């Protein structure tokens, strides 16, 4: 539970074998937080790395939490449980999410329960292959249309939440479909989400951990479950 002397902002970063990227990312994040002047904490959720990810995170002033549940969603849940801030910001460890954008999130923190760094609203951009962009656009448009959620980028993991919104939810998904489920649940409770255009950058070192077939099946299962939830209205 957040207290009067708790940090105003918790930055939660899932990481699996991302030591090289964290050596660049974390100093940049810390620099942005210093400029903002807001009491903050940085939490790196280690998914069982073997490359010194945890050591690198501690060296750069982050608190390291070991992931216990599977998947990207499991990593976020571990970070949320450990965080103390009034606002919880999530970002990837692979350098695709520019830390300077944290300033924009913080400036607009009172606009909605969830702020989303969006690739697909006017002004947004994604430096990815055409194939990956096509799959992402299809996924997002399908979720938005079938679930009646008026957003362009439901799969962006670069977000800032008000703490109380996350405490009110109990998501089932544990892979990347966790992101869509959270938004559907927020909308079902009458919450608001605002998309802010940003420039999604190519991954730094290493290879993507996404596995298309596995996560595609998870997205379909979550879509069916969220469709039933939307029909019930709660």
C-alpha atoms as a PDB file:
ATOM      1  CA  UNK A   1       0.000   0.000   0.000  1.00  0.00           C
ATOM      2  CA  UNK A   2       1.246   3.483  -0.849  1.00  0.00           C
ATOM      3  CA  UNK A   3       2.043   5.751   2.108  1.00  0.00           C
ATOM      4  CA  UNK A   4       2.565   9.482   2.528  1.00  0.00           C
ATOM      5  CA  UNK A   5       6.332   9.103   2.066  1.00  0.00           C
ATOM      6  CA  UNK A   6       6.094   6.602  -0.800  1.00  0.00           C
ATOM      7  CA  UNK A   7       7.545   7.482  -4.212  1.00  0.00           C
ATOM      8  CA  UNK A   8       5.217   9.295  -6.561  1.00  0.00           C
ATOM      9  CA  UNK A   9       6.311   7.156  -9.498  1.00  0.00           C
ATOM     10  CA  UNK A  10       7.389   3.538  -9.870  1.00  0.00           C
ATOM     11  CA  UNK A  11       9.050   2.498 -13.132  1.00  0.00           C
ATOM     12  CA  UNK A  12       8.618  -1.240 -13.754  1.00  0.00           C
ATOM     13  CA  UNK A  13      10.874  -2.889 -16.364  1.00  0.00           C
ATOM     14  CA  UNK A  14      10.557  -6.615 -17.187  1.00  0.00           C
ATOM     15  CA  UNK A  15      13.921  -7.994 -18.309  1.00  0.00           C
ATOM     16  CA  UNK A  16      15.242 -11.335 -19.480  1.00  0.00           C
ATOM     17  CA  UNK A  17      18.888 -11.414 -20.581  1.00  0.00           C
ATOM     18  CA  UNK A  18      18.966  -7.654 -21.204  1.00  0.00           C
ATOM     19  CA  UNK A  19      22.200  -6.694 -19.425  1.00  0.00           C
ATOM     20  CA  UNK A  20      23.704  -4.855 -22.373  1.00  0.00           C
ATOM     21  CA  UNK A  21      20.547  -2.853 -23.002  1.00  0.00           C
ATOM     22  CA  UNK A  22      20.056  -2.043 -19.315  1.00  0.00           C
ATOM     23  CA  UNK A  23      23.563  -0.556 -19.191  1.00  0.00           C
ATOM     24  CA  UNK A  24      22.251   2.102 -21.590  1.00  0.00           C
ATOM     25  CA  UNK A  25      18.617   2.300 -20.519  1.00  0.00           C
ATOM     26  CA  UNK A  26      18.859   2.670 -16.751  1.00  0.00           C
ATOM     27  CA  UNK A  27      21.236   5.675 -16.648  1.00  0.00           C
ATOM     28  CA  UNK A  28      18.913   7.425 -19.117  1.00  0.00           C
ATOM     29  CA  UNK A  29      15.841   6.612 -17.004  1.00  0.00           C
ATOM     30  CA  UNK A  30      17.570   7.837 -13.852  1.00  0.00           C
ATOM     31  CA  UNK A  31      18.543  11.047 -15.635  1.00  0.00           C
ATOM     32  CA  UNK A  32      14.937  11.741 -16.649  1.00  0.00           C
ATOM     33  CA  UNK A  33      13.678  11.063 -13.126  1.00  0.00           C
ATOM     34  CA  UNK A  34      16.307  13.409 -11.729  1.00  0.00           C
ATOM     35  CA  UNK A  35      15.172  16.180 -14.087  1.00  0.00           C
ATOM     36  CA  UNK A  36      11.544  15.634 -13.118  1.00  0.00           C
ATOM     37  CA  UNK A  37      12.414  15.980  -9.447  1.00  0.00           C
ATOM     38  CA  UNK A  38       9.700  13.516  -8.439  1.00  0.00           C
ATOM     39  CA  UNK A  39      10.374  10.863  -5.756  1.00  0.00           C
ATOM     40  CA  UNK A  40      10.668   7.691  -7.816  1.00  0.00           C
ATOM     41  CA  UNK A  41      11.841   4.101  -7.799  1.00  0.00           C
ATOM     42  CA  UNK A  42      13.016   1.857 -10.627  1.00  0.00           C
ATOM     43  CA  UNK A  43      12.150  -1.841 -10.430  1.00  0.00           C
ATOM     44  CA  UNK A  44      13.652  -4.418 -12.781  1.00  0.00           C
ATOM     45  CA  UNK A  45      11.788  -7.733 -12.833  1.00  0.00           C
ATOM     46  CA  UNK A  46      14.302 -10.424 -13.755  1.00  0.00           C
ATOM     47  CA  UNK A  47      12.816 -13.403 -15.582  1.00  0.00           C
ATOM     48  CA  UNK A  48      15.685 -15.790 -14.823  1.00  0.00           C
ATOM     49  CA  UNK A  49      18.476 -14.123 -16.782  1.00  0.00           C
ATOM     50  CA  UNK A  50      21.871 -15.781 -17.195  1.00  0.00           C
ATOM     51  CA  UNK A  51      23.816 -12.794 -18.533  1.00  0.00           C
ATOM     52  CA  UNK A  52      24.204 -10.601 -15.450  1.00  0.00           C
ATOM     53  CA  UNK A  53      20.962  -8.647 -15.928  1.00  0.00           C
ATOM     54  CA  UNK A  54      20.270  -8.483 -12.177  1.00  0.00           C
ATOM     55  CA  UNK A  55      23.776  -7.297 -11.365  1.00  0.00           C
ATOM     56  CA  UNK A  56      23.618  -4.597 -14.042  1.00  0.00           C
ATOM     57  CA  UNK A  57      20.265  -3.382 -12.749  1.00  0.00           C
ATOM     58  CA  UNK A  58      21.544  -3.072  -9.182  1.00  0.00           C
ATOM     59  CA  UNK A  59      24.697  -1.336 -10.382  1.00  0.00           C
ATOM     60  CA  UNK A  60      22.532   1.374 -11.931  1.00  0.00           C
ATOM     61  CA  UNK A  61      20.396   1.895  -8.844  1.00  0.00           C
ATOM     62  CA  UNK A  62      17.381  -0.270  -9.670  1.00  0.00           C
ATOM     63  CA  UNK A  63      15.652  -2.646  -7.276  1.00  0.00           C
ATOM     64  CA  UNK A  64      15.599  -6.195  -8.632  1.00  0.00           C
ATOM     65  CA  UNK A  65      12.603  -8.499  -8.219  1.00  0.00           C
ATOM     66  CA  UNK A  66      12.694 -12.125  -9.299  1.00  0.00           C
ATOM     67  CA  UNK A  67       9.766 -13.165 -11.464  1.00  0.00           C
ATOM     68  CA  UNK A  68       7.795 -16.125 -10.116  1.00  0.00           C
ATOM     69  CA  UNK A  69       4.889 -16.438 -12.581  1.00  0.00           C
ATOM     70  CA  UNK A  70       5.413 -17.148 -16.265  1.00  0.00           C
ATOM     71  CA  UNK A  71       5.279 -14.700 -19.145  1.00  0.00           C
ATOM     72  CA  UNK A  72       5.313 -10.969 -19.711  1.00  0.00           C
ATOM     73  CA  UNK A  73       2.130 -10.553 -17.712  1.00  0.00           C
ATOM     74  CA  UNK A  74       3.653 -12.490 -14.837  1.00  0.00           C
ATOM     75  CA  UNK A  75       6.643 -10.137 -14.862  1.00  0.00           C
ATOM     76  CA  UNK A  76       4.399  -7.062 -14.726  1.00  0.00           C
ATOM     77  CA  UNK A  77       2.353  -8.503 -11.877  1.00  0.00           C
ATOM     78  CA  UNK A  78       5.534  -9.122  -9.877  1.00  0.00           C
ATOM     79  CA  UNK A  79       6.623  -5.548 -10.489  1.00  0.00           C
ATOM     80  CA  UNK A  80       3.220  -4.126  -9.550  1.00  0.00           C
ATOM     81  CA  UNK A  81       3.201  -6.118  -6.306  1.00  0.00           C
ATOM     82  CA  UNK A  82       6.616  -4.714  -5.351  1.00  0.00           C
ATOM     83  CA  UNK A  83       5.931  -1.106  -6.382  1.00  0.00           C
ATOM     84  CA  UNK A  84       5.040   1.655  -3.920  1.00  0.00           C
ATOM     85  CA  UNK A  85       4.350   4.614  -6.198  1.00  0.00           C
ATOM     86  CA  UNK A  86       1.045   6.357  -6.757  1.00  0.00           C
ATOM     87  CA  UNK A  87       1.683   6.022 -10.494  1.00  0.00           C
ATOM     88  CA  UNK A  88       3.123   2.878 -12.093  1.00  0.00           C
ATOM     89  CA  UNK A  89       4.949   3.213 -15.402  1.00  0.00           C
ATOM     90  CA  UNK A  90       5.851   0.165 -17.484  1.00  0.00           C
ATOM     91  CA  UNK A  91       8.459   0.072 -20.231  1.00  0.00           C
ATOM     92  CA  UNK A  92      10.545  -2.504 -22.086  1.00  0.00           C
ATOM     93  CA  UNK A  93      14.213  -3.161 -21.379  1.00  0.00           C
ATOM     94  CA  UNK A  94      15.257  -3.430 -25.036  1.00  0.00           C
ATOM     95  CA  UNK A  95      15.655   0.326 -25.747  1.00  0.00           C
ATOM     96  CA  UNK A  96      12.531   0.488 -27.936  1.00  0.00           C
ATOM     97  CA  UNK A  97      10.863   2.870 -25.460  1.00  0.00           C
ATOM     98  CA  UNK A  98      12.741   6.202 -25.213  1.00  0.00           C
ATOM     99  CA  UNK A  99      13.106   7.217 -21.546  1.00  0.00           C
ATOM    100  CA  UNK A 100      12.613  10.910 -22.344  1.00  0.00           C
ATOM    101  CA  UNK A 101       8.940  10.096 -22.962  1.00  0.00           C
ATOM    102  CA  UNK A 102       8.538   9.565 -19.202  1.00  0.00           C
ATOM    103  CA  UNK A 103       8.408  13.355 -18.945  1.00  0.00           C
ATOM    104  CA  UNK A 104       5.347  13.442 -21.222  1.00  0.00           C
ATOM    105  CA  UNK A 105       3.621  10.783 -19.170  1.00  0.00           C
ATOM    106  CA  UNK A 106       4.263  12.676 -15.961  1.00  0.00           C
ATOM    107  CA  UNK A 107       3.117  15.982 -17.400  1.00  0.00           C
ATOM    108  CA  UNK A 108      -0.205  14.441 -18.463  1.00  0.00           C
ATOM    109  CA  UNK A 109      -0.718  12.168 -15.452  1.00  0.00           C
ATOM    110  CA  UNK A 110      -4.082  13.698 -14.486  1.00  0.00           C
ATOM    111  CA  UNK A 111      -5.753  13.146 -17.870  1.00  0.00           C
ATOM    112  CA  UNK A 112      -6.809   9.510 -17.428  1.00  0.00           C
ATOM    113  CA  UNK A 113      -6.460   6.354 -15.358  1.00  0.00           C
ATOM    114  CA  UNK A 114      -4.198   4.860 -18.043  1.00  0.00           C
ATOM    115  CA  UNK A 115      -1.851   6.717 -20.394  1.00  0.00           C
ATOM    116  CA  UNK A 116      -0.590   4.798 -23.436  1.00  0.00           C
ATOM    117  CA  UNK A 117       2.422   5.629 -25.599  1.00  0.00           C
ATOM    118  CA  UNK A 118       0.796   4.904 -28.952  1.00  0.00           C
ATOM    119  CA  UNK A 119       2.378   4.016 -32.275  1.00  0.00           C
ATOM    120  CA  UNK A 120      -0.843   4.279 -34.236  1.00  0.00           C
ATOM    121  CA  UNK A 121      -2.427   7.631 -33.428  1.00  0.00           C
ATOM    122  CA  UNK A 122      -1.512  10.655 -35.584  1.00  0.00           C
ATOM    123  CA  UNK A 123       2.091  11.576 -34.828  1.00  0.00           C
ATOM    124  CA  UNK A 124       3.012   8.078 -33.702  1.00  0.00           C
ATOM    125  CA  UNK A 125       5.583   5.926 -35.498  1.00  0.00           C
ATOM    126  CA  UNK A 126       7.131   2.449 -35.283  1.00  0.00           C
ATOM    127  CA  UNK A 127      10.507   1.459 -36.727  1.00  0.00           C
ATOM    128  CA  UNK A 128       9.770  -2.230 -37.341  1.00  0.00           C
ATOM    129  CA  UNK A 129       9.564  -4.572 -40.314  1.00  0.00           C
ATOM    130  CA  UNK A 130       6.494  -4.380 -42.552  1.00  0.00           C
ATOM    131  CA  UNK A 131       5.467  -7.885 -41.529  1.00  0.00           C
ATOM    132  CA  UNK A 132       5.628  -7.133 -37.822  1.00  0.00           C
ATOM    133  CA  UNK A 133       3.761  -3.868 -38.299  1.00  0.00           C
ATOM    134  CA  UNK A 134       1.035  -5.632 -40.285  1.00  0.00           C
ATOM    135  CA  UNK A 135       0.527  -8.248 -37.579  1.00  0.00           C
ATOM    136  CA  UNK A 136       0.419  -5.575 -34.889  1.00  0.00           C
ATOM    137  CA  UNK A 137      -2.113  -3.444 -36.763  1.00  0.00           C
ATOM    138  CA  UNK A 138      -4.368  -6.459 -37.420  1.00  0.00           C
ATOM    139  CA  UNK A 139      -4.237  -7.481 -33.772  1.00  0.00           C
ATOM    140  CA  UNK A 140      -5.028  -4.008 -32.493  1.00  0.00           C
ATOM    141  CA  UNK A 141      -7.844  -3.346 -34.953  1.00  0.00           C
ATOM    142  CA  UNK A 142      -9.415  -6.729 -34.222  1.00  0.00           C
ATOM    143  CA  UNK A 143      -9.390  -6.215 -30.466  1.00  0.00           C
ATOM    144  CA  UNK A 144     -10.666  -2.646 -30.734  1.00  0.00           C
ATOM    145  CA  UNK A 145     -13.514  -3.547 -33.094  1.00  0.00           C
ATOM    146  CA  UNK A 146     -14.740  -6.748 -31.460  1.00  0.00           C
ATOM    147  CA  UNK A 147     -14.438  -5.451 -27.905  1.00  0.00           C
ATOM    148  CA  UNK A 148     -15.674  -1.897 -28.614  1.00  0.00           C
ATOM    149  CA  UNK A 149     -12.597  -0.291 -27.061  1.00  0.00           C
ATOM    150  CA  UNK A 150     -11.869   3.072 -28.784  1.00  0.00           C
ATOM    151  CA  UNK A 151      -8.076   2.768 -28.897  1.00  0.00           C
ATOM    152  CA  UNK A 152      -5.529   2.355 -31.688  1.00  0.00           C
ATOM    153  CA  UNK A 153      -2.662   0.707 -29.791  1.00  0.00           C
ATOM    154  CA  UNK A 154      -3.925  -1.767 -27.208  1.00  0.00           C
ATOM    155  CA  UNK A 155      -0.706  -3.782 -27.347  1.00  0.00           C
ATOM    156  CA  UNK A 156       1.716  -1.017 -26.369  1.00  0.00           C
ATOM    157  CA  UNK A 157       3.553  -1.920 -23.179  1.00  0.00           C
ATOM    158  CA  UNK A 158       4.791   1.641 -22.633  1.00  0.00           C
ATOM    159  CA  UNK A 159       2.150   2.959 -20.239  1.00  0.00           C
ATOM    160  CA  UNK A 160       1.476   4.773 -17.005  1.00  0.00           C
ATOM    161  CA  UNK A 161      -1.288   3.659 -14.655  1.00  0.00           C
ATOM    162  CA  UNK A 162      -2.848   5.132 -11.582  1.00  0.00           C
ATOM    163  CA  UNK A 163      -2.131   2.657  -8.836  1.00  0.00           C
ATOM    164  CA  UNK A 164      -5.744   2.239  -7.738  1.00  0.00           C
ATOM    165  CA  UNK A 165      -6.762   1.062 -11.220  1.00  0.00           C
ATOM    166  CA  UNK A 166      -4.366  -1.872 -11.097  1.00  0.00           C
ATOM    167  CA  UNK A 167      -5.334  -2.822  -7.560  1.00  0.00           C
ATOM    168  CA  UNK A 168      -8.959  -3.124  -8.699  1.00  0.00           C
ATOM    169  CA  UNK A 169      -8.183  -5.730 -11.372  1.00  0.00           C
ATOM    170  CA  UNK A 170      -7.328  -9.428 -11.331  1.00  0.00           C
ATOM    171  CA  UNK A 171      -6.164 -10.260 -14.874  1.00  0.00           C
ATOM    172  CA  UNK A 172      -5.963 -13.881 -15.978  1.00  0.00           C
ATOM    173  CA  UNK A 173      -3.603 -13.511 -18.947  1.00  0.00           C
ATOM    174  CA  UNK A 174       0.109 -14.057 -18.383  1.00  0.00           C
ATOM    175  CA  UNK A 175       1.622 -13.474 -21.829  1.00  0.00           C
ATOM    176  CA  UNK A 176       1.614 -10.252 -23.872  1.00  0.00           C
ATOM    177  CA  UNK A 177      -2.201 -10.458 -24.067  1.00  0.00           C
ATOM    178  CA  UNK A 178      -2.105  -9.201 -20.469  1.00  0.00           C
ATOM    179  CA  UNK A 179      -1.917  -5.703 -21.959  1.00  0.00           C
ATOM    180  CA  UNK A 180      -5.221  -5.960 -23.826  1.00  0.00           C
ATOM    181  CA  UNK A 181      -6.963  -7.566 -20.877  1.00  0.00           C
ATOM    182  CA  UNK A 182      -6.035  -4.737 -18.517  1.00  0.00           C
ATOM    183  CA  UNK A 183      -7.498  -2.141 -20.887  1.00  0.00           C
ATOM    184  CA  UNK A 184     -10.737  -4.056 -21.411  1.00  0.00           C
ATOM    185  CA  UNK A 185     -11.165  -4.418 -17.670  1.00  0.00           C
ATOM    186  CA  UNK A 186     -10.483  -0.722 -17.103  1.00  0.00           C
ATOM    187  CA  UNK A 187     -13.100   0.214 -19.700  1.00  0.00           C
ATOM    188  CA  UNK A 188     -15.610  -2.186 -18.196  1.00  0.00           C
ATOM    189  CA  UNK A 189     -15.273  -0.313 -14.909  1.00  0.00           C
ATOM    190  CA  UNK A 190     -15.831   3.041 -16.608  1.00  0.00           C
ATOM    191  CA  UNK A 191     -12.174   4.058 -16.546  1.00  0.00           C
ATOM    192  CA  UNK A 192     -10.416   6.218 -19.109  1.00  0.00           C
ATOM    193  CA  UNK A 193      -7.372   5.649 -21.278  1.00  0.00           C
ATOM    194  CA  UNK A 194      -5.590   8.311 -23.338  1.00  0.00           C
ATOM    195  CA  UNK A 195      -3.165   7.598 -26.174  1.00  0.00           C
ATOM    196  CA  UNK A 196      -0.132   9.847 -26.654  1.00  0.00           C
ATOM    197  CA  UNK A 197       1.849   9.577 -29.908  1.00  0.00           C
ATOM    198  CA  UNK A 198       5.415   8.328 -29.588  1.00  0.00           C
ATOM    199  CA  UNK A 199       8.210   6.936 -31.746  1.00  0.00           C
ATOM    200  CA  UNK A 200       8.814   3.209 -31.187  1.00  0.00           C
ATOM    201  CA  UNK A 201      12.495   2.471 -31.781  1.00  0.00           C
ATOM    202  CA  UNK A 202      14.275  -0.693 -32.950  1.00  0.00           C
ATOM    203  CA  UNK A 203      15.509  -3.089 -30.275  1.00  0.00           C
ATOM    204  CA  UNK A 204      19.054  -2.484 -29.056  1.00  0.00           C
ATOM    205  CA  UNK A 205      21.207  -5.552 -28.388  1.00  0.00           C
ATOM    206  CA  UNK A 206      19.901  -9.111 -28.479  1.00  0.00           C
ATOM    207  CA  UNK A 207      16.871 -10.709 -30.067  1.00  0.00           C
ATOM    208  CA  UNK A 208      13.142 -10.338 -29.432  1.00  0.00           C
ATOM    209  CA  UNK A 209      11.675 -12.777 -26.906  1.00  0.00           C
ATOM    210  CA  UNK A 210       8.259 -12.847 -28.596  1.00  0.00           C
ATOM    211  CA  UNK A 211       7.147 -16.182 -30.086  1.00  0.00           C
ATOM    212  CA  UNK A 212       4.431 -15.531 -32.653  1.00  0.00           C
ATOM    213  CA  UNK A 213       2.606 -18.874 -32.623  1.00  0.00           C
ATOM    214  CA  UNK A 214       2.495 -19.164 -28.851  1.00  0.00           C
ATOM    215  CA  UNK A 215       1.409 -15.598 -28.295  1.00  0.00           C
ATOM    216  CA  UNK A 216      -1.032 -15.660 -31.207  1.00  0.00           C
ATOM    217  CA  UNK A 217      -2.917 -18.510 -29.521  1.00  0.00           C
ATOM    218  CA  UNK A 218      -2.858 -16.633 -26.210  1.00  0.00           C
ATOM    219  CA  UNK A 219      -4.262 -13.510 -27.887  1.00  0.00           C
ATOM    220  CA  UNK A 220      -7.132 -15.517 -29.393  1.00  0.00           C
ATOM    221  CA  UNK A 221      -8.036 -17.086 -26.055  1.00  0.00           C
ATOM    222  CA  UNK A 222      -7.927 -13.724 -24.321  1.00  0.00           C
ATOM    223  CA  UNK A 223     -10.011 -12.143 -27.088  1.00  0.00           C
ATOM    224  CA  UNK A 224     -12.747 -14.739 -26.564  1.00  0.00           C
ATOM    225  CA  UNK A 225     -12.646 -14.280 -22.793  1.00  0.00           C
ATOM    226  CA  UNK A 226     -12.728 -10.475 -23.020  1.00  0.00           C
ATOM    227  CA  UNK A 227     -15.603 -10.606 -25.530  1.00  0.00           C
ATOM    228  CA  UNK A 228     -17.641 -12.540 -22.965  1.00  0.00           C
ATOM    229  CA  UNK A 229     -16.620 -10.055 -20.283  1.00  0.00           C
ATOM    230  CA  UNK A 230     -17.693  -7.087 -22.410  1.00  0.00           C
ATOM    231  CA  UNK A 231     -21.030  -8.719 -23.143  1.00  0.00           C
ATOM    232  CA  UNK A 232     -21.658  -9.147 -19.423  1.00  0.00           C
ATOM    233  CA  UNK A 233     -20.552  -5.557 -18.816  1.00  0.00           C
ATOM    234  CA  UNK A 234     -18.357  -6.384 -15.831  1.00  0.00           C
END
